[in-house]
Amino acid sequence: MQDHICDRYNSWWEYDAQGIPLCRVCDKCRAHKLKQYRPEILRGYSQDDVDEPIEEEG
């Protein structure tokens, strides 16, 4: 699958949650190529997901 090249007529670009193109995929390789990305990148995240104190409280 590492050397797989998608046919341009049977493939499409996959984008992250922000609309940034990640890679070109087809039905055969989509799962393999997208597994390298963290789920947050594919589904999106909010400030609540990354909110943590910069300095110790108290």
N, C-alpha and C. Protein backbone atom coordinates (compact mmCIF):
# COMPACT_ATOMS: atom_id res chain seq x y z
N MET A 1 0.83 -1.20 0.00
CA MET A 1 0.00 0.00 0.00
C MET A 1 0.87 1.26 0.00
N GLN A 2 2.10 1.14 0.46
CA GLN A 2 3.01 2.29 0.52
C GLN A 2 3.27 2.87 -0.87
N ASP A 3 3.37 2.02 -1.87
CA ASP A 3 3.66 2.47 -3.23
C ASP A 3 2.40 2.67 -4.07
N HIS A 4 1.25 2.53 -3.45
CA HIS A 4 -0.03 2.65 -4.16
C HIS A 4 -0.21 4.07 -4.71
N ILE A 5 -0.58 4.15 -5.97
CA ILE A 5 -0.90 5.43 -6.60
C ILE A 5 -2.36 5.36 -7.05
N CYS A 6 -3.15 6.29 -6.57
CA CYS A 6 -4.58 6.29 -6.89
C CYS A 6 -4.81 6.72 -8.34
N ASP A 7 -5.76 6.05 -8.96
CA ASP A 7 -6.20 6.44 -10.30
C ASP A 7 -6.89 7.79 -10.20
N ARG A 8 -6.53 8.74 -11.02
CA ARG A 8 -7.06 10.10 -10.86
C ARG A 8 -8.56 10.21 -11.12
N TYR A 9 -9.13 9.24 -11.82
CA TYR A 9 -10.57 9.29 -12.11
C TYR A 9 -11.41 8.59 -11.05
N ASN A 10 -10.77 7.78 -10.22
CA ASN A 10 -11.49 7.06 -9.16
C ASN A 10 -10.96 7.42 -7.79
N SER A 11 -10.47 8.64 -7.63
CA SER A 11 -9.93 9.07 -6.34
C SER A 11 -10.34 10.51 -6.07
N TRP A 12 -10.07 10.95 -4.87
CA TRP A 12 -10.45 12.29 -4.45
C TRP A 12 -9.50 12.74 -3.35
N TRP A 13 -9.51 14.04 -3.09
CA TRP A 13 -8.70 14.61 -2.01
C TRP A 13 -9.47 14.48 -0.71
N GLU A 14 -8.78 14.07 0.34
CA GLU A 14 -9.33 14.09 1.69
C GLU A 14 -8.80 15.34 2.37
N TYR A 15 -9.66 15.99 3.14
CA TYR A 15 -9.34 17.23 3.81
C TYR A 15 -9.44 17.07 5.32
N ASP A 16 -8.68 17.89 6.05
CA ASP A 16 -8.83 17.88 7.50
C ASP A 16 -10.06 18.70 7.87
N ALA A 17 -10.33 18.81 9.15
CA ALA A 17 -11.52 19.52 9.62
C ALA A 17 -11.50 21.00 9.28
N GLN A 18 -10.33 21.54 9.00
CA GLN A 18 -10.20 22.95 8.66
C GLN A 18 -10.25 23.19 7.15
N GLY A 19 -10.37 22.12 6.38
CA GLY A 19 -10.44 22.24 4.93
C GLY A 19 -9.08 22.20 4.23
N ILE A 20 -8.05 21.81 4.95
CA ILE A 20 -6.71 21.72 4.37
C ILE A 20 -6.54 20.34 3.72
N PRO A 21 -6.12 20.29 2.46
CA PRO A 21 -5.95 18.98 1.82
C PRO A 21 -4.86 18.15 2.48
N LEU A 22 -5.17 16.88 2.73
CA LEU A 22 -4.21 15.98 3.38
C LEU A 22 -3.54 15.05 2.38
N CYS A 23 -4.35 14.32 1.62
CA CYS A 23 -3.80 13.35 0.67
C CYS A 23 -4.88 12.93 -0.31
N ARG A 24 -4.44 12.38 -1.42
CA ARG A 24 -5.37 11.85 -2.42
C ARG A 24 -5.62 10.38 -2.08
N VAL A 25 -6.88 9.96 -2.08
CA VAL A 25 -7.26 8.62 -1.68
C VAL A 25 -8.25 8.01 -2.67
N CYS A 26 -8.41 6.71 -2.56
CA CYS A 26 -9.45 5.98 -3.29
C CYS A 26 -10.07 5.00 -2.29
N ASP A 27 -11.09 4.27 -2.72
CA ASP A 27 -11.73 3.31 -1.82
C ASP A 27 -10.74 2.27 -1.29
N LYS A 28 -9.77 1.92 -2.10
CA LYS A 28 -8.80 0.88 -1.75
C LYS A 28 -7.83 1.33 -0.65
N CYS A 29 -7.43 2.59 -0.65
CA CYS A 29 -6.37 3.02 0.26
C CYS A 29 -6.79 4.05 1.30
N ARG A 30 -8.03 4.49 1.29
CA ARG A 30 -8.47 5.58 2.17
C ARG A 30 -8.13 5.31 3.64
N ALA A 31 -8.56 4.17 4.17
CA ALA A 31 -8.33 3.86 5.59
C ALA A 31 -6.84 3.82 5.91
N HIS A 32 -6.05 3.23 5.04
CA HIS A 32 -4.61 3.12 5.28
C HIS A 32 -3.95 4.49 5.33
N LYS A 33 -4.28 5.36 4.40
CA LYS A 33 -3.65 6.68 4.34
C LYS A 33 -4.11 7.59 5.48
N LEU A 34 -5.38 7.49 5.86
CA LEU A 34 -5.89 8.39 6.90
C LEU A 34 -5.53 7.95 8.31
N LYS A 35 -5.10 6.70 8.50
CA LYS A 35 -4.78 6.26 9.86
C LYS A 35 -3.53 6.95 10.43
N GLN A 36 -2.76 7.63 9.58
CA GLN A 36 -1.58 8.33 10.08
C GLN A 36 -1.92 9.65 10.78
N TYR A 37 -3.17 10.10 10.63
CA TYR A 37 -3.60 11.36 11.23
C TYR A 37 -4.37 11.12 12.52
N ARG A 38 -4.14 11.99 13.50
CA ARG A 38 -4.89 11.90 14.75
C ARG A 38 -6.37 12.19 14.48
N PRO A 39 -7.27 11.56 15.22
CA PRO A 39 -8.71 11.78 15.01
C PRO A 39 -9.12 13.25 15.10
N GLU A 40 -8.46 14.01 15.97
CA GLU A 40 -8.81 15.43 16.14
C GLU A 40 -8.58 16.21 14.85
N ILE A 41 -7.59 15.80 14.09
CA ILE A 41 -7.28 16.48 12.83
C ILE A 41 -8.40 16.24 11.83
N LEU A 42 -8.94 15.05 11.81
CA LEU A 42 -9.97 14.70 10.84
C LEU A 42 -11.36 15.19 11.24
N ARG A 43 -11.69 15.16 12.53
CA ARG A 43 -13.03 15.54 12.95
C ARG A 43 -13.13 16.97 13.47
N GLY A 44 -12.00 17.56 13.77
CA GLY A 44 -12.00 18.93 14.29
C GLY A 44 -11.92 18.95 15.80
N TYR A 45 -11.61 20.09 16.33
CA TYR A 45 -11.51 20.27 17.77
C TYR A 45 -11.79 21.71 18.11
N SER A 46 -12.11 21.93 19.37
CA SER A 46 -12.41 23.29 19.82
C SER A 46 -11.40 23.69 20.90
N GLN A 47 -11.54 24.88 21.38
CA GLN A 47 -10.67 25.37 22.45
C GLN A 47 -10.83 24.51 23.70
N ASP A 48 -12.03 23.97 23.92
CA ASP A 48 -12.26 23.10 25.08
C ASP A 48 -11.38 21.85 25.04
N ASP A 49 -11.09 21.36 23.84
CA ASP A 49 -10.26 20.17 23.70
C ASP A 49 -8.80 20.44 24.05
N VAL A 50 -8.35 21.65 23.87
CA VAL A 50 -6.94 21.98 24.09
C VAL A 50 -6.74 22.92 25.27
N ASP A 51 -7.81 23.27 25.95
CA ASP A 51 -7.74 24.24 27.06
C ASP A 51 -7.01 23.62 28.24
N GLU A 52 -5.91 24.21 28.60
CA GLU A 52 -5.16 23.79 29.78
C GLU A 52 -4.49 25.02 30.36
N PRO A 53 -4.30 25.03 31.65
CA PRO A 53 -3.67 26.20 32.28
C PRO A 53 -2.23 26.37 31.81
N ILE A 54 -1.87 27.60 31.57
CA ILE A 54 -0.49 27.90 31.16
C ILE A 54 0.43 27.91 32.38
N GLU A 55 -0.09 28.47 33.47
CA GLU A 55 0.68 28.48 34.72
C GLU A 55 -0.10 27.71 35.77
N GLU A 56 0.60 27.24 36.77
CA GLU A 56 -0.06 26.50 37.83
C GLU A 56 -1.04 27.41 38.55
N GLU A 57 -2.19 26.84 38.88
CA GLU A 57 -3.20 27.59 39.63
C GLU A 57 -2.92 27.50 41.11
N GLY A 58 -3.19 28.60 41.84
CA GLY A 58 -3.11 28.55 43.29
C GLY A 58 -1.92 29.13 43.82
